[in-house]
Amino acid sequence: MMRARLIELRERRQRLAARAQLEREQLAVQLARADVALAWLERGRSALEAVRRRPLVLAAAAALILALRPRRTLRLLASGWSLWQLYRRAQSWWERIAPPVQKPAGRAT
């Protein structure tokens, strides 16, 4: 009786170890995908930071584009403004429906 229980426990342990290994592999794949997305976000953040440090370059580029293609630029600005408005509405909507995130009391960050 004791031997049968030990065999059963050993088999269960093997199944759990195999399941844990599979979950680790799946998590590694998901983290690799997240790393790619985060790399793109970091590039975008770096580009925005570079633009913040050199506003004159951005203004010169915008003026050049406006001079070369005024209609297209105005359409692009209108689209950008619409997207900005949509973003602001979505953000205010999200703030209304999402509960505020609170840090646990007593923890130093």
N, C-alpha and C. Protein backbone atom coordinates (compact mmCIF):
# COMPACT_ATOMS: atom_id res chain seq x y z
N MET A 1 0.82 -1.18 0.00
CA MET A 1 0.00 0.00 0.00
C MET A 1 0.88 1.26 0.00
N MET A 2 1.89 1.29 0.85
CA MET A 2 2.77 2.44 0.92
C MET A 2 3.54 2.60 -0.39
N ARG A 3 3.96 1.49 -0.98
CA ARG A 3 4.70 1.52 -2.24
C ARG A 3 3.83 2.10 -3.36
N ALA A 4 2.57 1.71 -3.42
CA ALA A 4 1.67 2.23 -4.45
C ALA A 4 1.49 3.74 -4.29
N ARG A 5 1.42 4.20 -3.07
CA ARG A 5 1.27 5.64 -2.81
C ARG A 5 2.53 6.39 -3.25
N LEU A 6 3.69 5.82 -2.98
CA LEU A 6 4.94 6.45 -3.40
C LEU A 6 5.06 6.51 -4.92
N ILE A 7 4.64 5.45 -5.58
CA ILE A 7 4.66 5.43 -7.05
C ILE A 7 3.71 6.50 -7.59
N GLU A 8 2.53 6.58 -7.00
CA GLU A 8 1.55 7.59 -7.42
C GLU A 8 2.11 9.01 -7.22
N LEU A 9 2.74 9.23 -6.09
CA LEU A 9 3.32 10.55 -5.82
C LEU A 9 4.46 10.88 -6.80
N ARG A 10 5.29 9.88 -7.11
CA ARG A 10 6.39 10.09 -8.06
C ARG A 10 5.84 10.45 -9.44
N GLU A 11 4.80 9.75 -9.87
CA GLU A 11 4.20 10.04 -11.18
C GLU A 11 3.57 11.43 -11.19
N ARG A 12 2.92 11.78 -10.11
CA ARG A 12 2.31 13.11 -10.02
C ARG A 12 3.39 14.19 -10.06
N ARG A 13 4.48 13.94 -9.36
CA ARG A 13 5.59 14.90 -9.35
C ARG A 13 6.16 15.07 -10.76
N GLN A 14 6.29 13.96 -11.49
CA GLN A 14 6.80 14.04 -12.86
C GLN A 14 5.85 14.84 -13.76
N ARG A 15 4.54 14.59 -13.61
CA ARG A 15 3.57 15.35 -14.41
C ARG A 15 3.63 16.84 -14.08
N LEU A 16 3.73 17.15 -12.79
CA LEU A 16 3.81 18.56 -12.39
C LEU A 16 5.10 19.21 -12.89
N ALA A 17 6.19 18.47 -12.85
CA ALA A 17 7.46 19.02 -13.34
C ALA A 17 7.39 19.28 -14.84
N ALA A 18 6.77 18.36 -15.59
CA ALA A 18 6.61 18.54 -17.03
C ALA A 18 5.71 19.74 -17.32
N ARG A 19 4.65 19.86 -16.55
CA ARG A 19 3.73 21.00 -16.73
C ARG A 19 4.44 22.32 -16.41
N ALA A 20 5.23 22.33 -15.35
CA ALA A 20 5.97 23.54 -14.98
C ALA A 20 6.96 23.92 -16.07
N GLN A 21 7.63 22.92 -16.65
CA GLN A 21 8.57 23.20 -17.73
C GLN A 21 7.86 23.80 -18.94
N LEU A 22 6.71 23.25 -19.29
CA LEU A 22 5.92 23.77 -20.41
C LEU A 22 5.50 25.22 -20.13
N GLU A 23 5.05 25.48 -18.91
CA GLU A 23 4.64 26.84 -18.56
C GLU A 23 5.82 27.80 -18.61
N ARG A 24 7.01 27.35 -18.19
CA ARG A 24 8.20 28.21 -18.28
C ARG A 24 8.52 28.53 -19.73
N GLU A 25 8.41 27.55 -20.61
CA GLU A 25 8.69 27.77 -22.03
C GLU A 25 7.67 28.75 -22.64
N GLN A 26 6.40 28.58 -22.29
CA GLN A 26 5.37 29.49 -22.80
C GLN A 26 5.60 30.91 -22.29
N LEU A 27 5.98 31.03 -21.04
CA LEU A 27 6.26 32.34 -20.47
C LEU A 27 7.46 32.99 -21.16
N ALA A 28 8.47 32.20 -21.47
CA ALA A 28 9.64 32.74 -22.17
C ALA A 28 9.26 33.29 -23.54
N VAL A 29 8.37 32.60 -24.25
CA VAL A 29 7.91 33.08 -25.56
C VAL A 29 7.15 34.39 -25.39
N GLN A 30 6.27 34.45 -24.41
CA GLN A 30 5.50 35.68 -24.18
C GLN A 30 6.40 36.84 -23.78
N LEU A 31 7.40 36.57 -22.97
CA LEU A 31 8.32 37.63 -22.56
C LEU A 31 9.17 38.11 -23.73
N ALA A 32 9.51 37.20 -24.64
CA ALA A 32 10.27 37.61 -25.82
C ALA A 32 9.44 38.57 -26.67
N ARG A 33 8.15 38.27 -26.82
CA ARG A 33 7.27 39.18 -27.56
C ARG A 33 7.16 40.53 -26.86
N ALA A 34 7.05 40.50 -25.56
CA ALA A 34 6.96 41.75 -24.80
C ALA A 34 8.25 42.56 -24.93
N ASP A 35 9.39 41.87 -24.97
CA ASP A 35 10.67 42.58 -25.14
C ASP A 35 10.71 43.33 -26.46
N VAL A 36 10.18 42.71 -27.51
CA VAL A 36 10.16 43.38 -28.82
C VAL A 36 9.29 44.63 -28.75
N ALA A 37 8.11 44.50 -28.15
CA ALA A 37 7.21 45.64 -28.03
C ALA A 37 7.83 46.74 -27.18
N LEU A 38 8.48 46.35 -26.10
CA LEU A 38 9.11 47.35 -25.24
C LEU A 38 10.28 48.03 -25.94
N ALA A 39 10.98 47.32 -26.80
CA ALA A 39 12.07 47.93 -27.55
C ALA A 39 11.53 49.02 -28.46
N TRP A 40 10.40 48.76 -29.11
CA TRP A 40 9.78 49.78 -29.97
C TRP A 40 9.34 50.98 -29.13
N LEU A 41 8.76 50.72 -27.99
CA LEU A 41 8.34 51.81 -27.12
C LEU A 41 9.54 52.65 -26.67
N GLU A 42 10.63 51.98 -26.37
CA GLU A 42 11.84 52.70 -25.95
C GLU A 42 12.39 53.56 -27.09
N ARG A 43 12.34 53.04 -28.30
CA ARG A 43 12.77 53.84 -29.46
C ARG A 43 11.90 55.08 -29.61
N GLY A 44 10.60 54.90 -29.47
CA GLY A 44 9.69 56.04 -29.57
C GLY A 44 9.94 57.06 -28.47
N ARG A 45 10.16 56.57 -27.26
CA ARG A 45 10.45 57.47 -26.15
C ARG A 45 11.75 58.23 -26.38
N SER A 46 12.75 57.53 -26.89
CA SER A 46 14.03 58.18 -27.18
C SER A 46 13.86 59.25 -28.26
N ALA A 47 13.06 58.94 -29.28
CA ALA A 47 12.83 59.91 -30.35
C ALA A 47 12.11 61.15 -29.80
N LEU A 48 11.11 60.94 -28.96
CA LEU A 48 10.41 62.08 -28.36
C LEU A 48 11.35 62.90 -27.48
N GLU A 49 12.21 62.24 -26.76
CA GLU A 49 13.17 62.95 -25.92
C GLU A 49 14.14 63.77 -26.77
N ALA A 50 14.56 63.21 -27.89
CA ALA A 50 15.45 63.94 -28.79
C ALA A 50 14.75 65.18 -29.36
N VAL A 51 13.48 65.03 -29.68
CA VAL A 51 12.71 66.17 -30.21
C VAL A 51 12.55 67.24 -29.13
N ARG A 52 12.34 66.81 -27.90
CA ARG A 52 12.20 67.78 -26.81
C ARG A 52 13.50 68.58 -26.61
N ARG A 53 14.62 67.92 -26.80
CA ARG A 53 15.90 68.61 -26.62
C ARG A 53 16.23 69.54 -27.78
N ARG A 54 15.66 69.28 -28.96
CA ARG A 54 15.95 70.07 -30.15
C ARG A 54 14.66 70.54 -30.83
N PRO A 55 13.92 71.43 -30.21
CA PRO A 55 12.65 71.87 -30.80
C PRO A 55 12.84 72.63 -32.10
N LEU A 56 13.98 73.28 -32.27
CA LEU A 56 14.22 74.04 -33.49
C LEU A 56 14.29 73.12 -34.71
N VAL A 57 14.87 71.94 -34.54
CA VAL A 57 14.95 70.97 -35.64
C VAL A 57 13.55 70.53 -36.03
N LEU A 58 12.70 70.29 -35.06
CA LEU A 58 11.32 69.89 -35.35
C LEU A 58 10.58 71.01 -36.07
N ALA A 59 10.75 72.24 -35.60
CA ALA A 59 10.08 73.37 -36.24
C ALA A 59 10.57 73.56 -37.68
N ALA A 60 11.87 73.39 -37.91
CA ALA A 60 12.42 73.53 -39.26
C ALA A 60 11.87 72.44 -40.18
N ALA A 61 11.81 71.22 -39.68
CA ALA A 61 11.27 70.12 -40.49
C ALA A 61 9.80 70.36 -40.81
N ALA A 62 9.04 70.81 -39.83
CA ALA A 62 7.62 71.09 -40.06
C ALA A 62 7.45 72.22 -41.08
N ALA A 63 8.28 73.26 -40.98
CA ALA A 63 8.19 74.37 -41.93
C ALA A 63 8.54 73.91 -43.34
N LEU A 64 9.54 73.05 -43.46
CA LEU A 64 9.93 72.54 -44.77
C LEU A 64 8.81 71.71 -45.39
N ILE A 65 8.22 70.85 -44.61
CA ILE A 65 7.12 70.02 -45.11
C ILE A 65 5.93 70.90 -45.49
N LEU A 66 5.64 71.89 -44.68
CA LEU A 66 4.54 72.80 -44.97
C LEU A 66 4.80 73.57 -46.26
N ALA A 67 6.04 73.98 -46.48
CA ALA A 67 6.37 74.73 -47.69
C ALA A 67 6.30 73.85 -48.93
N LEU A 68 6.72 72.59 -48.81
CA LEU A 68 6.74 71.70 -49.97
C LEU A 68 5.36 71.14 -50.31
N ARG A 69 4.59 70.82 -49.33
CA ARG A 69 3.27 70.20 -49.55
C ARG A 69 2.25 70.79 -48.58
N PRO A 70 1.78 71.99 -48.85
CA PRO A 70 0.89 72.64 -47.87
C PRO A 70 -0.45 71.92 -47.67
N ARG A 71 -1.09 71.47 -48.74
CA ARG A 71 -2.40 70.81 -48.58
C ARG A 71 -2.27 69.51 -47.80
N ARG A 72 -1.28 68.74 -48.17
CA ARG A 72 -1.07 67.46 -47.49
C ARG A 72 -0.75 67.70 -46.01
N THR A 73 0.06 68.71 -45.75
CA THR A 73 0.42 69.02 -44.37
C THR A 73 -0.80 69.44 -43.56
N LEU A 74 -1.64 70.26 -44.15
CA LEU A 74 -2.85 70.68 -43.43
C LEU A 74 -3.78 69.51 -43.17
N ARG A 75 -3.90 68.61 -44.14
CA ARG A 75 -4.71 67.40 -43.91
C ARG A 75 -4.12 66.56 -42.79
N LEU A 76 -2.80 66.44 -42.80
CA LEU A 76 -2.12 65.67 -41.76
C LEU A 76 -2.33 66.31 -40.39
N LEU A 77 -2.24 67.63 -40.33
CA LEU A 77 -2.49 68.33 -39.07
C LEU A 77 -3.92 68.12 -38.60
N ALA A 78 -4.87 68.17 -39.52
CA ALA A 78 -6.27 67.94 -39.15
C ALA A 78 -6.47 66.53 -38.62
N SER A 79 -5.85 65.56 -39.27
CA SER A 79 -5.95 64.18 -38.80
C SER A 79 -5.30 64.03 -37.43
N GLY A 80 -4.14 64.64 -37.27
CA GLY A 80 -3.45 64.58 -35.98
C GLY A 80 -4.28 65.19 -34.87
N TRP A 81 -4.91 66.32 -35.18
CA TRP A 81 -5.76 66.97 -34.19
C TRP A 81 -6.94 66.09 -33.82
N SER A 82 -7.54 65.44 -34.81
CA SER A 82 -8.66 64.53 -34.53
C SER A 82 -8.21 63.36 -33.67
N LEU A 83 -7.05 62.81 -33.98
CA LEU A 83 -6.54 61.70 -33.17
C LEU A 83 -6.25 62.16 -31.74
N TRP A 84 -5.72 63.35 -31.59
CA TRP A 84 -5.45 63.89 -30.26
C TRP A 84 -6.74 64.04 -29.47
N GLN A 85 -7.79 64.55 -30.11
CA GLN A 85 -9.09 64.70 -29.45
C GLN A 85 -9.64 63.34 -29.04
N LEU A 86 -9.52 62.36 -29.93
CA LEU A 86 -9.99 61.01 -29.63
C LEU A 86 -9.23 60.44 -28.44
N TYR A 87 -7.93 60.63 -28.43
CA TYR A 87 -7.10 60.16 -27.32
C TYR A 87 -7.55 60.78 -26.00
N ARG A 88 -7.76 62.08 -26.00
CA ARG A 88 -8.17 62.77 -24.77
C ARG A 88 -9.53 62.27 -24.28
N ARG A 89 -10.46 62.05 -25.21
CA ARG A 89 -11.78 61.54 -24.81
C ARG A 89 -11.66 60.13 -24.24
N ALA A 90 -10.86 59.30 -24.91
CA ALA A 90 -10.68 57.93 -24.43
C ALA A 90 -10.02 57.93 -23.06
N GLN A 91 -9.07 58.81 -22.85
CA GLN A 91 -8.39 58.90 -21.57
C GLN A 91 -9.36 59.31 -20.46
N SER A 92 -10.18 60.31 -20.72
CA SER A 92 -11.14 60.74 -19.69
C SER A 92 -12.18 59.65 -19.44
N TRP A 93 -12.59 58.96 -20.49
CA TRP A 93 -13.54 57.84 -20.32
C TRP A 93 -12.91 56.76 -19.46
N TRP A 94 -11.65 56.43 -19.74
CA TRP A 94 -10.96 55.39 -18.99
C TRP A 94 -10.83 55.78 -17.52
N GLU A 95 -10.52 57.03 -17.26
CA GLU A 95 -10.38 57.48 -15.87
C GLU A 95 -11.71 57.38 -15.12
N ARG A 96 -12.82 57.52 -15.83
CA ARG A 96 -14.12 57.40 -15.18
C ARG A 96 -14.47 55.96 -14.85
N ILE A 97 -14.12 55.02 -15.73
CA ILE A 97 -14.54 53.63 -15.50
C ILE A 97 -13.52 52.79 -14.75
N ALA A 98 -12.24 53.13 -14.87
CA ALA A 98 -11.20 52.33 -14.23
C ALA A 98 -11.00 52.79 -12.79
N PRO A 99 -10.95 51.86 -11.88
CA PRO A 99 -10.70 52.25 -10.49
C PRO A 99 -9.27 52.75 -10.35
N PRO A 100 -9.03 53.72 -9.50
CA PRO A 100 -7.67 54.22 -9.33
C PRO A 100 -6.78 53.15 -8.69
N VAL A 101 -5.55 53.10 -9.12
CA VAL A 101 -4.60 52.13 -8.59
C VAL A 101 -3.96 52.74 -7.35
N GLN A 102 -4.04 52.01 -6.25
CA GLN A 102 -3.47 52.50 -5.00
C GLN A 102 -2.33 51.59 -4.58
N LYS A 103 -1.27 52.20 -4.08
CA LYS A 103 -0.14 51.42 -3.58
C LYS A 103 -0.49 50.90 -2.20
N PRO A 104 0.00 49.71 -1.87
CA PRO A 104 -0.25 49.18 -0.53
C PRO A 104 0.35 50.10 0.53
N ALA A 105 -0.35 50.25 1.63
CA ALA A 105 0.12 51.12 2.70
C ALA A 105 1.32 50.50 3.40
N GLY A 106 2.24 51.36 3.82
CA GLY A 106 3.37 50.87 4.60
C GLY A 106 4.54 50.38 3.79
N ARG A 107 4.48 50.47 2.47
CA ARG A 107 5.59 50.00 1.64
C ARG A 107 6.35 51.18 1.10
N ALA A 108 7.64 51.11 1.20
CA ALA A 108 8.48 52.16 0.63
C ALA A 108 8.79 51.80 -0.81
N THR A 109 8.79 52.81 -1.68
CA THR A 109 9.09 52.55 -3.09
C THR A 109 10.41 53.12 -3.48
